Amino acid sequence: MDRHRLWLSTIMRHHIQPQARKLGIDKRSSWHTCRHTFSTLLKANGENVKVVQELLRHASAKMTLDTYSQALTPAKRAAQSKVVSMIRPKSTYTVDKPRGFDLIGVSR
């Protein structure tokens, strides 16, 4: 019966981490990384903090916000962009798109 058990460490080591490497992700990943990403994506998509708290089984919404939801909000991104534009001059180069491709890279 043991040979049919799914061990989380085995799934991570033999399935998830190799796929991450194939995608060019060299940073070490763990189940905590997946949990953090899950929480951050839920918050970024506007999910209610109480729902995220319950999904993660935290004792309080404050713990969820303080621990996992460190994603940049649009306001934070805008503020960072302003600082970057003050420090780094505007680029003068342009990027030409390949012939036959629209803006999202789908061939016509």
PDB file of N, CA and C in Angstrom:
ATOM      1  N   MET A   1       0.806  -1.191   0.000  1.00  0.00           N
ATOM      2  CA  MET A   1       0.000   0.000   0.000  1.00  0.00           C
ATOM      3  C   MET A   1       0.856   1.265   0.000  1.00  0.00           C
ATOM      4  N   ASP A   2       2.048   1.241   0.583  1.00  0.00           N
ATOM      5  CA  ASP A   2       2.917   2.410   0.636  1.00  0.00           C
ATOM      6  C   ASP A   2       3.350   2.886  -0.743  1.00  0.00           C
ATOM      7  N   ARG A   3       3.473   1.958  -1.696  1.00  0.00           N
ATOM      8  CA  ARG A   3       3.980   2.376  -2.995  1.00  0.00           C
ATOM      9  C   ARG A   3       2.970   3.212  -3.777  1.00  0.00           C
ATOM     10  N   HIS A   4       1.716   3.283  -3.320  1.00  0.00           N
ATOM     11  CA  HIS A   4       0.690   4.072  -3.986  1.00  0.00           C
ATOM     12  C   HIS A   4       0.437   5.412  -3.304  1.00  0.00           C
ATOM     13  N   ARG A   5       1.153   5.694  -2.234  1.00  0.00           N
ATOM     14  CA  ARG A   5       0.987   6.966  -1.542  1.00  0.00           C
ATOM     15  C   ARG A   5       1.665   8.074  -2.331  1.00  0.00           C
ATOM     16  N   LEU A   6       1.082   9.231  -2.254  1.00  0.00           N
ATOM     17  CA  LEU A   6       1.685  10.414  -2.863  1.00  0.00           C
ATOM     18  C   LEU A   6       2.374  11.216  -1.770  1.00  0.00           C
ATOM     19  N   TRP A   7       3.689  11.284  -1.831  1.00  0.00           N
ATOM     20  CA  TRP A   7       4.455  12.048  -0.865  1.00  0.00           C
ATOM     21  C   TRP A   7       4.679  13.441  -1.448  1.00  0.00           C
ATOM     22  N   LEU A   8       4.318  14.459  -0.687  1.00  0.00           N
ATOM     23  CA  LEU A   8       4.432  15.827  -1.181  1.00  0.00           C
ATOM     24  C   LEU A   8       5.859  16.196  -1.565  1.00  0.00           C
ATOM     25  N   SER A   9       6.827  15.729  -0.812  1.00  0.00           N
ATOM     26  CA  SER A   9       8.221  16.039  -1.137  1.00  0.00           C
ATOM     27  C   SER A   9       8.625  15.410  -2.470  1.00  0.00           C
ATOM     28  N   THR A  10       8.095  14.235  -2.758  1.00  0.00           N
ATOM     29  CA  THR A  10       8.391  13.564  -4.026  1.00  0.00           C
ATOM     30  C   THR A  10       7.752  14.307  -5.196  1.00  0.00           C
ATOM     31  N   ILE A  11       6.512  14.737  -5.014  1.00  0.00           N
ATOM     32  CA  ILE A  11       5.837  15.504  -6.064  1.00  0.00           C
ATOM     33  C   ILE A  11       6.610  16.783  -6.358  1.00  0.00           C
ATOM     34  N   MET A  12       7.043  17.480  -5.308  1.00  0.00           N
ATOM     35  CA  MET A  12       7.791  18.728  -5.482  1.00  0.00           C
ATOM     36  C   MET A  12       9.114  18.451  -6.200  1.00  0.00           C
ATOM     37  N   ARG A  13       9.853  17.459  -5.740  1.00  0.00           N
ATOM     38  CA  ARG A  13      11.192  17.170  -6.261  1.00  0.00           C
ATOM     39  C   ARG A  13      11.169  16.610  -7.676  1.00  0.00           C
ATOM     40  N   HIS A  14      10.216  15.738  -7.976  1.00  0.00           N
ATOM     41  CA  HIS A  14      10.231  15.052  -9.267  1.00  0.00           C
ATOM     42  C   HIS A  14       9.297  15.629 -10.318  1.00  0.00           C
ATOM     43  N   HIS A  15       8.377  16.494  -9.915  1.00  0.00           N
ATOM     44  CA  HIS A  15       7.422  17.023 -10.885  1.00  0.00           C
ATOM     45  C   HIS A  15       7.436  18.549 -10.970  1.00  0.00           C
ATOM     46  N   ILE A  16       7.230  19.216  -9.846  1.00  0.00           N
ATOM     47  CA  ILE A  16       7.086  20.673  -9.861  1.00  0.00           C
ATOM     48  C   ILE A  16       8.422  21.372 -10.107  1.00  0.00           C
ATOM     49  N   GLN A  17       9.455  21.029  -9.367  1.00  0.00           N
ATOM     50  CA  GLN A  17      10.755  21.687  -9.555  1.00  0.00           C
ATOM     51  C   GLN A  17      11.342  21.452 -10.946  1.00  0.00           C
ATOM     52  N   PRO A  18      11.271  20.249 -11.521  1.00  0.00           N
ATOM     53  CA  PRO A  18      11.767  20.081 -12.892  1.00  0.00           C
ATOM     54  C   PRO A  18      10.997  20.933 -13.911  1.00  0.00           C
ATOM     55  N   GLN A  19       9.682  21.058 -13.746  1.00  0.00           N
ATOM     56  CA  GLN A  19       8.902  21.905 -14.648  1.00  0.00           C
ATOM     57  C   GLN A  19       9.289  23.368 -14.494  1.00  0.00           C
ATOM     58  N   ALA A  20       9.524  23.792 -13.265  1.00  0.00           N
ATOM     59  CA  ALA A  20       9.950  25.171 -13.026  1.00  0.00           C
ATOM     60  C   ALA A  20      11.284  25.437 -13.722  1.00  0.00           C
ATOM     61  N   ARG A  21      12.221  24.494 -13.629  1.00  0.00           N
ATOM     62  CA  ARG A  21      13.523  24.661 -14.301  1.00  0.00           C
ATOM     63  C   ARG A  21      13.353  24.741 -15.813  1.00  0.00           C
ATOM     64  N   LYS A  22      12.451  23.916 -16.370  1.00  0.00           N
ATOM     65  CA  LYS A  22      12.184  23.965 -17.814  1.00  0.00           C
ATOM     66  C   LYS A  22      11.645  25.332 -18.240  1.00  0.00           C
ATOM     67  N   LEU A  23      10.927  25.973 -17.342  1.00  0.00           N
ATOM     68  CA  LEU A  23      10.368  27.295 -17.631  1.00  0.00           C
ATOM     69  C   LEU A  23      11.368  28.415 -17.368  1.00  0.00           C
ATOM     70  N   GLY A  24      12.575  28.049 -16.932  1.00  0.00           N
ATOM     71  CA  GLY A  24      13.606  29.052 -16.690  1.00  0.00           C
ATOM     72  C   GLY A  24      13.585  29.640 -15.292  1.00  0.00           C
ATOM     73  N   ILE A  25      12.872  28.999 -14.386  1.00  0.00           N
ATOM     74  CA  ILE A  25      12.806  29.466 -12.999  1.00  0.00           C
ATOM     75  C   ILE A  25      13.875  28.712 -12.219  1.00  0.00           C
ATOM     76  N   ASP A  26      14.970  29.409 -11.907  1.00  0.00           N
ATOM     77  CA  ASP A  26      16.084  28.772 -11.212  1.00  0.00           C
ATOM     78  C   ASP A  26      15.983  28.892  -9.696  1.00  0.00           C
ATOM     79  N   LYS A  27      15.120  29.784  -9.228  1.00  0.00           N
ATOM     80  CA  LYS A  27      14.957  29.973  -7.793  1.00  0.00           C
ATOM     81  C   LYS A  27      14.358  28.708  -7.178  1.00  0.00           C
ATOM     82  N   ARG A  28      14.858  28.342  -6.021  1.00  0.00           N
ATOM     83  CA  ARG A  28      14.355  27.152  -5.336  1.00  0.00           C
ATOM     84  C   ARG A  28      12.904  27.373  -4.937  1.00  0.00           C
ATOM     85  N   SER A  29      12.063  26.413  -5.225  1.00  0.00           N
ATOM     86  CA  SER A  29      10.653  26.537  -4.866  1.00  0.00           C
ATOM     87  C   SER A  29      10.267  25.452  -3.868  1.00  0.00           C
ATOM     88  N   SER A  30       9.243  25.763  -3.094  1.00  0.00           N
ATOM     89  CA  SER A  30       8.757  24.828  -2.085  1.00  0.00           C
ATOM     90  C   SER A  30       7.236  24.951  -2.035  1.00  0.00           C
ATOM     91  N   TRP A  31       6.618  24.164  -1.173  1.00  0.00           N
ATOM     92  CA  TRP A  31       5.173  24.287  -1.015  1.00  0.00           C
ATOM     93  C   TRP A  31       4.819  25.641  -0.443  1.00  0.00           C
ATOM     94  N   HIS A  32       5.707  26.203   0.372  1.00  0.00           N
ATOM     95  CA  HIS A  32       5.459  27.544   0.907  1.00  0.00           C
ATOM     96  C   HIS A  32       5.435  28.567  -0.229  1.00  0.00           C
ATOM     97  N   THR A  33       6.284  28.379  -1.236  1.00  0.00           N
ATOM     98  CA  THR A  33       6.292  29.267  -2.394  1.00  0.00           C
ATOM     99  C   THR A  33       4.941  29.209  -3.098  1.00  0.00           C
ATOM    100  N   CYS A  34       4.402  28.018  -3.262  1.00  0.00           N
ATOM    101  CA  CYS A  34       3.086  27.856  -3.898  1.00  0.00           C
ATOM    102  C   CYS A  34       1.995  28.524  -3.067  1.00  0.00           C
ATOM    103  N   ARG A  35       2.069  28.369  -1.774  1.00  0.00           N
ATOM    104  CA  ARG A  35       1.082  28.969  -0.865  1.00  0.00           C
ATOM    105  C   ARG A  35       1.144  30.493  -0.938  1.00  0.00           C
ATOM    106  N   HIS A  36       2.349  31.032  -0.940  1.00  0.00           N
ATOM    107  CA  HIS A  36       2.547  32.486  -1.025  1.00  0.00           C
ATOM    108  C   HIS A  36       2.001  33.010  -2.358  1.00  0.00           C
ATOM    109  N   THR A  37       2.302  32.318  -3.443  1.00  0.00           N
ATOM    110  CA  THR A  37       1.825  32.723  -4.766  1.00  0.00           C
ATOM    111  C   THR A  37       0.302  32.668  -4.830  1.00  0.00           C
ATOM    112  N   PHE A  38      -0.282  31.616  -4.294  1.00  0.00           N
ATOM    113  CA  PHE A  38      -1.732  31.461  -4.267  1.00  0.00           C
ATOM    114  C   PHE A  38      -2.377  32.648  -3.555  1.00  0.00           C
ATOM    115  N   SER A  39      -1.872  32.981  -2.379  1.00  0.00           N
ATOM    116  CA  SER A  39      -2.416  34.089  -1.604  1.00  0.00           C
ATOM    117  C   SER A  39      -2.259  35.418  -2.334  1.00  0.00           C
ATOM    118  N   THR A  40      -1.094  35.642  -2.899  1.00  0.00           N
ATOM    119  CA  THR A  40      -0.817  36.888  -3.590  1.00  0.00           C
ATOM    120  C   THR A  40      -1.704  37.047  -4.821  1.00  0.00           C
ATOM    121  N   LEU A  41      -1.897  35.975  -5.582  1.00  0.00           N
ATOM    122  CA  LEU A  41      -2.756  36.044  -6.762  1.00  0.00           C
ATOM    123  C   LEU A  41      -4.214  36.287  -6.387  1.00  0.00           C
ATOM    124  N   LEU A  42      -4.668  35.652  -5.307  1.00  0.00           N
ATOM    125  CA  LEU A  42      -6.037  35.900  -4.856  1.00  0.00           C
ATOM    126  C   LEU A  42      -6.225  37.367  -4.495  1.00  0.00           C
ATOM    127  N   LYS A  43      -5.269  37.923  -3.749  1.00  0.00           N
ATOM    128  CA  LYS A  43      -5.372  39.324  -3.340  1.00  0.00           C
ATOM    129  C   LYS A  43      -5.292  40.246  -4.550  1.00  0.00           C
ATOM    130  N   ALA A  44      -4.383  39.949  -5.475  1.00  0.00           N
ATOM    131  CA  ALA A  44      -4.232  40.775  -6.671  1.00  0.00           C
ATOM    132  C   ALA A  44      -5.493  40.766  -7.534  1.00  0.00           C
ATOM    133  N   ASN A  45      -6.264  39.689  -7.466  1.00  0.00           N
ATOM    134  CA  ASN A  45      -7.508  39.597  -8.230  1.00  0.00           C
ATOM    135  C   ASN A  45      -8.699  40.144  -7.461  1.00  0.00           C
ATOM    136  N   GLY A  46      -8.442  40.790  -6.329  1.00  0.00           N
ATOM    137  CA  GLY A  46      -9.494  41.457  -5.586  1.00  0.00           C
ATOM    138  C   GLY A  46     -10.326  40.561  -4.688  1.00  0.00           C
ATOM    139  N   GLU A  47      -9.816  39.395  -4.375  1.00  0.00           N
ATOM    140  CA  GLU A  47     -10.575  38.488  -3.505  1.00  0.00           C
ATOM    141  C   GLU A  47     -10.651  39.071  -2.097  1.00  0.00           C
ATOM    142  N   ASN A  48     -11.742  38.829  -1.439  1.00  0.00           N
ATOM    143  CA  ASN A  48     -11.958  39.298  -0.082  1.00  0.00           C
ATOM    144  C   ASN A  48     -10.911  38.694   0.851  1.00  0.00           C
ATOM    145  N   VAL A  49     -10.335  39.528   1.709  1.00  0.00           N
ATOM    146  CA  VAL A  49      -9.284  39.071   2.624  1.00  0.00           C
ATOM    147  C   VAL A  49      -9.799  37.956   3.538  1.00  0.00           C
ATOM    148  N   LYS A  50     -11.032  38.042   3.942  1.00  0.00           N
ATOM    149  CA  LYS A  50     -11.606  37.016   4.826  1.00  0.00           C
ATOM    150  C   LYS A  50     -11.662  35.661   4.118  1.00  0.00           C
ATOM    151  N   VAL A  51     -11.974  35.675   2.826  1.00  0.00           N
ATOM    152  CA  VAL A  51     -12.004  34.430   2.050  1.00  0.00           C
ATOM    153  C   VAL A  51     -10.594  33.838   1.961  1.00  0.00           C
ATOM    154  N   VAL A  52      -9.608  34.687   1.664  1.00  0.00           N
ATOM    155  CA  VAL A  52      -8.215  34.221   1.579  1.00  0.00           C
ATOM    156  C   VAL A  52      -7.774  33.665   2.923  1.00  0.00           C
ATOM    157  N   GLN A  53      -8.128  34.360   3.998  1.00  0.00           N
ATOM    158  CA  GLN A  53      -7.777  33.895   5.341  1.00  0.00           C
ATOM    159  C   GLN A  53      -8.328  32.496   5.590  1.00  0.00           C
ATOM    160  N   GLU A  54      -9.569  32.287   5.220  1.00  0.00           N
ATOM    161  CA  GLU A  54     -10.191  30.979   5.452  1.00  0.00           C
ATOM    162  C   GLU A  54      -9.577  29.898   4.568  1.00  0.00           C
ATOM    163  N   LEU A  55      -9.257  30.247   3.321  1.00  0.00           N
ATOM    164  CA  LEU A  55      -8.620  29.266   2.435  1.00  0.00           C
ATOM    165  C   LEU A  55      -7.250  28.842   2.953  1.00  0.00           C
ATOM    166  N   LEU A  56      -6.519  29.796   3.532  1.00  0.00           N
ATOM    167  CA  LEU A  56      -5.187  29.497   4.069  1.00  0.00           C
ATOM    168  C   LEU A  56      -5.246  28.977   5.508  1.00  0.00           C
ATOM    169  N   ARG A  57      -6.443  29.003   6.081  1.00  0.00           N
ATOM    170  CA  ARG A  57      -6.682  28.535   7.445  1.00  0.00           C
ATOM    171  C   ARG A  57      -5.874  29.311   8.483  1.00  0.00           C
ATOM    172  N   HIS A  58      -5.825  30.627   8.301  1.00  0.00           N
ATOM    173  CA  HIS A  58      -5.175  31.495   9.274  1.00  0.00           C
ATOM    174  C   HIS A  58      -6.149  31.841  10.384  1.00  0.00           C
ATOM    175  N   ALA A  59      -5.615  32.174  11.544  1.00  0.00           N
ATOM    176  CA  ALA A  59      -6.444  32.532  12.686  1.00  0.00           C
ATOM    177  C   ALA A  59      -7.097  33.899  12.505  1.00  0.00           C
ATOM    178  N   SER A  60      -6.432  34.802  11.777  1.00  0.00           N
ATOM    179  CA  SER A  60      -6.990  36.139  11.592  1.00  0.00           C
ATOM    180  C   SER A  60      -6.641  36.673  10.205  1.00  0.00           C
ATOM    181  N   ALA A  61      -7.451  37.626   9.743  1.00  0.00           N
ATOM    182  CA  ALA A  61      -7.179  38.269   8.458  1.00  0.00           C
ATOM    183  C   ALA A  61      -5.885  39.079   8.543  1.00  0.00           C
ATOM    184  N   LYS A  62      -5.575  39.629   9.702  1.00  0.00           N
ATOM    185  CA  LYS A  62      -4.343  40.395   9.883  1.00  0.00           C
ATOM    186  C   LYS A  62      -3.118  39.521   9.596  1.00  0.00           C
ATOM    187  N   MET A  63      -3.158  38.293  10.070  1.00  0.00           N
ATOM    188  CA  MET A  63      -2.039  37.375   9.810  1.00  0.00           C
ATOM    189  C   MET A  63      -1.887  37.144   8.306  1.00  0.00           C
ATOM    190  N   THR A  64      -2.998  36.971   7.606  1.00  0.00           N
ATOM    191  CA  THR A  64      -2.959  36.760   6.164  1.00  0.00           C
ATOM    192  C   THR A  64      -2.334  37.958   5.468  1.00  0.00           C
ATOM    193  N   LEU A  65      -2.791  39.159   5.812  1.00  0.00           N
ATOM    194  CA  LEU A  65      -2.276  40.371   5.179  1.00  0.00           C
ATOM    195  C   LEU A  65      -0.804  40.605   5.508  1.00  0.00           C
ATOM    196  N   ASP A  66      -0.439  40.401   6.771  1.00  0.00           N
ATOM    197  CA  ASP A  66       0.938  40.649   7.193  1.00  0.00           C
ATOM    198  C   ASP A  66       1.922  39.625   6.638  1.00  0.00           C
ATOM    199  N   THR A  67       1.488  38.387   6.475  1.00  0.00           N
ATOM    200  CA  THR A  67       2.404  37.312   6.107  1.00  0.00           C
ATOM    201  C   THR A  67       2.510  37.073   4.621  1.00  0.00           C
ATOM    202  N   TYR A  68       1.391  37.022   3.924  1.00  0.00           N
ATOM    203  CA  TYR A  68       1.410  36.539   2.553  1.00  0.00           C
ATOM    204  C   TYR A  68       1.136  37.566   1.464  1.00  0.00           C
ATOM    205  N   SER A  69       0.480  38.621   1.761  1.00  0.00           N
ATOM    206  CA  SER A  69       0.008  39.505   0.697  1.00  0.00           C
ATOM    207  C   SER A  69       0.916  40.714   0.524  1.00  0.00           C
ATOM    208  N   GLN A  70       2.092  40.477  -0.007  1.00  0.00           N
ATOM    209  CA  GLN A  70       3.060  41.543  -0.198  1.00  0.00           C
ATOM    210  C   GLN A  70       3.131  41.982  -1.651  1.00  0.00           C
ATOM    211  N   ALA A  71       2.102  41.679  -2.417  1.00  0.00           N
ATOM    212  CA  ALA A  71       2.107  42.031  -3.835  1.00  0.00           C
ATOM    213  C   ALA A  71       2.021  43.541  -3.991  1.00  0.00           C
ATOM    214  N   LEU A  72       2.537  44.004  -5.113  1.00  0.00           N
ATOM    215  CA  LEU A  72       2.462  45.422  -5.403  1.00  0.00           C
ATOM    216  C   LEU A  72       1.077  45.778  -5.919  1.00  0.00           C
ATOM    217  N   THR A  73       0.486  46.765  -5.317  1.00  0.00           N
ATOM    218  CA  THR A  73      -0.795  47.254  -5.794  1.00  0.00           C
ATOM    219  C   THR A  73      -0.547  48.186  -6.980  1.00  0.00           C
ATOM    220  N   PRO A  74      -1.565  48.469  -7.781  1.00  0.00           N
ATOM    221  CA  PRO A  74      -1.384  49.420  -8.888  1.00  0.00           C
ATOM    222  C   PRO A  74      -0.848  50.771  -8.410  1.00  0.00           C
ATOM    223  N   ALA A  75      -1.280  51.232  -7.233  1.00  0.00           N
ATOM    224  CA  ALA A  75      -0.791  52.507  -6.709  1.00  0.00           C
ATOM    225  C   ALA A  75       0.703  52.444  -6.399  1.00  0.00           C
ATOM    226  N   LYS A  76       1.154  51.315  -5.836  1.00  0.00           N
ATOM    227  CA  LYS A  76       2.584  51.155  -5.544  1.00  0.00           C
ATOM    228  C   LYS A  76       3.391  51.088  -6.835  1.00  0.00           C
ATOM    229  N   ARG A  77       2.879  50.373  -7.828  1.00  0.00           N
ATOM    230  CA  ARG A  77       3.575  50.289  -9.112  1.00  0.00           C
ATOM    231  C   ARG A  77       3.688  51.662  -9.763  1.00  0.00           C
ATOM    232  N   ALA A  78       2.625  52.453  -9.696  1.00  0.00           N
ATOM    233  CA  ALA A  78       2.641  53.798 -10.273  1.00  0.00           C
ATOM    234  C   ALA A  78       3.677  54.672  -9.561  1.00  0.00           C
ATOM    235  N   ALA A  79       3.736  54.575  -8.239  1.00  0.00           N
ATOM    236  CA  ALA A  79       4.709  55.358  -7.476  1.00  0.00           C
ATOM    237  C   ALA A  79       6.135  54.955  -7.846  1.00  0.00           C
ATOM    238  N   GLN A  80       6.381  53.661  -7.981  1.00  0.00           N
ATOM    239  CA  GLN A  80       7.716  53.195  -8.368  1.00  0.00           C
ATOM    240  C   GLN A  80       8.078  53.681  -9.764  1.00  0.00           C
ATOM    241  N   SER A  81       7.117  53.649 -10.662  1.00  0.00           N
ATOM    242  CA  SER A  81       7.367  54.088 -12.039  1.00  0.00           C
ATOM    243  C   SER A  81       7.757  55.565 -12.080  1.00  0.00           C
ATOM    244  N   LYS A  82       7.134  56.367 -11.238  1.00  0.00           N
ATOM    245  CA  LYS A  82       7.476  57.793 -11.191  1.00  0.00           C
ATOM    246  C   LYS A  82       8.916  57.987 -10.756  1.00  0.00           C
ATOM    247  N   VAL A  83       9.329  57.246  -9.734  1.00  0.00           N
ATOM    248  CA  VAL A  83      10.709  57.361  -9.253  1.00  0.00           C
ATOM    249  C   VAL A  83      11.683  56.905 -10.329  1.00  0.00           C
ATOM    250  N   VAL A  84      11.381  55.793 -10.988  1.00  0.00           N
ATOM    251  CA  VAL A  84      12.250  55.282 -12.050  1.00  0.00           C
ATOM    252  C   VAL A  84      12.374  56.312 -13.170  1.00  0.00           C
ATOM    253  N   SER A  85      11.255  56.940 -13.552  1.00  0.00           N
ATOM    254  CA  SER A  85      11.312  57.917 -14.638  1.00  0.00           C
ATOM    255  C   SER A  85      12.111  59.161 -14.243  1.00  0.00           C
ATOM    256  N   MET A  86      12.182  59.465 -12.965  1.00  0.00           N
ATOM    257  CA  MET A  86      12.997  60.596 -12.512  1.00  0.00           C
ATOM    258  C   MET A  86      14.487  60.260 -12.572  1.00  0.00           C
ATOM    259  N   ILE A  87      14.817  59.017 -12.336  1.00  0.00           N
ATOM    260  CA  ILE A  87      16.219  58.595 -12.281  1.00  0.00           C
ATOM    261  C   ILE A  87      16.753  58.230 -13.655  1.00  0.00           C
ATOM    262  N   ARG A  88      15.982  57.481 -14.413  1.00  0.00           N
ATOM    263  CA  ARG A  88      16.443  56.964 -15.696  1.00  0.00           C
ATOM    264  C   ARG A  88      15.812  57.768 -16.833  1.00  0.00           C
ATOM    265  N   PRO A  89      16.645  58.274 -17.732  1.00  0.00           N
ATOM    266  CA  PRO A  89      16.078  59.044 -18.848  1.00  0.00           C
ATOM    267  C   PRO A  89      15.262  58.146 -19.771  1.00  0.00           C
ATOM    268  N   LYS A  90      14.341  58.773 -20.475  1.00  0.00           N
ATOM    269  CA  LYS A  90      13.519  58.036 -21.439  1.00  0.00           C
ATOM    270  C   LYS A  90      14.414  57.439 -22.510  1.00  0.00           C
ATOM    271  N   SER A  91      14.073  56.246 -22.950  1.00  0.00           N
ATOM    272  CA  SER A  91      14.861  55.602 -23.998  1.00  0.00           C
ATOM    273  C   SER A  91      14.493  56.214 -25.344  1.00  0.00           C
ATOM    274  N   THR A  92      15.455  56.199 -26.259  1.00  0.00           N
ATOM    275  CA  THR A  92      15.232  56.794 -27.571  1.00  0.00           C
ATOM    276  C   THR A  92      15.108  55.739 -28.653  1.00  0.00           C
ATOM    277  N   TYR A  93      15.145  54.471 -28.275  1.00  0.00           N
ATOM    278  CA  TYR A  93      15.036  53.419 -29.276  1.00  0.00           C
ATOM    279  C   TYR A  93      13.581  52.980 -29.426  1.00  0.00           C
ATOM    280  N   THR A  94      13.292  52.369 -30.566  1.00  0.00           N
ATOM    281  CA  THR A  94      11.956  51.831 -30.800  1.00  0.00           C
ATOM    282  C   THR A  94      12.076  50.347 -31.097  1.00  0.00           C
ATOM    283  N   VAL A  95      10.992  49.641 -30.885  1.00  0.00           N
ATOM    284  CA  VAL A  95      10.969  48.204 -31.134  1.00  0.00           C
ATOM    285  C   VAL A  95      10.042  47.960 -32.309  1.00  0.00           C
ATOM    286  N   ASP A  96      10.573  47.320 -33.357  1.00  0.00           N
ATOM    287  CA  ASP A  96       9.752  46.976 -34.509  1.00  0.00           C
ATOM    288  C   ASP A  96       9.179  45.591 -34.303  1.00  0.00           C
ATOM    289  N   LYS A  97       7.903  45.442 -34.610  1.00  0.00           N
ATOM    290  CA  LYS A  97       7.301  44.116 -34.490  1.00  0.00           C
ATOM    291  C   LYS A  97       7.517  43.361 -35.796  1.00  0.00           C
ATOM    292  N   PRO A  98       7.639  42.050 -35.734  1.00  0.00           N
ATOM    293  CA  PRO A  98       7.840  41.255 -36.944  1.00  0.00           C
ATOM    294  C   PRO A  98       6.647  41.401 -37.893  1.00  0.00           C
ATOM    295  N   ARG A  99       6.926  41.362 -39.178  1.00  0.00           N
ATOM    296  CA  ARG A  99       5.879  41.469 -40.188  1.00  0.00           C
ATOM    297  C   ARG A  99       4.898  40.309 -40.043  1.00  0.00           C
ATOM    298  N   GLY A 100       3.605  40.603 -40.114  1.00  0.00           N
ATOM    299  CA  GLY A 100       2.584  39.570 -40.024  1.00  0.00           C
ATOM    300  C   GLY A 100       2.131  39.275 -38.611  1.00  0.00           C
ATOM    301  N   PHE A 101       2.629  40.022 -37.625  1.00  0.00           N
ATOM    302  CA  PHE A 101       2.232  39.808 -36.248  1.00  0.00           C
ATOM    303  C   PHE A 101       1.506  41.048 -35.734  1.00  0.00           C
ATOM    304  N   ASP A 102       0.464  40.808 -34.922  1.00  0.00           N
ATOM    305  CA  ASP A 102      -0.213  41.940 -34.319  1.00  0.00           C
ATOM    306  C   ASP A 102       0.427  42.214 -32.967  1.00  0.00           C
ATOM    307  N   LEU A 103      -0.177  43.047 -32.170  1.00  0.00           N
ATOM    308  CA  LEU A 103       0.428  43.466 -30.910  1.00  0.00           C
ATOM    309  C   LEU A 103       0.604  42.355 -29.894  1.00  0.00           C
ATOM    310  N   ILE A 104      -0.195  41.310 -29.956  1.00  0.00           N
ATOM    311  CA  ILE A 104      -0.038  40.240 -28.949  1.00  0.00           C
ATOM    312  C   ILE A 104       0.740  39.044 -29.510  1.00  0.00           C
ATOM    313  N   GLY A 105       1.325  39.206 -30.675  1.00  0.00           N
ATOM    314  CA  GLY A 105       2.203  38.169 -31.199  1.00  0.00           C
ATOM    315  C   GLY A 105       1.499  37.031 -31.903  1.00  0.00           C
ATOM    316  N   VAL A 106       0.241  37.210 -32.314  1.00  0.00           N
ATOM    317  CA  VAL A 106      -0.467  36.162 -33.000  1.00  0.00           C
ATOM    318  C   VAL A 106      -0.342  36.387 -34.494  1.00  0.00           C
ATOM    319  N   SER A 107       0.075  35.378 -35.200  1.00  0.00           N
ATOM    320  CA  SER A 107       0.284  35.504 -36.624  1.00  0.00           C
ATOM    321  C   SER A 107      -1.057  35.669 -37.346  1.00  0.00           C
ATOM    322  N   ARG A 108      -1.051  36.524 -38.351  1.00  0.00           N
ATOM    323  CA  ARG A 108      -2.270  36.731 -39.146  1.00  0.00           C
ATOM    324  C   ARG A 108      -2.294  35.800 -40.324  1.00  0.00           C
TER     325      ARG A 108
END
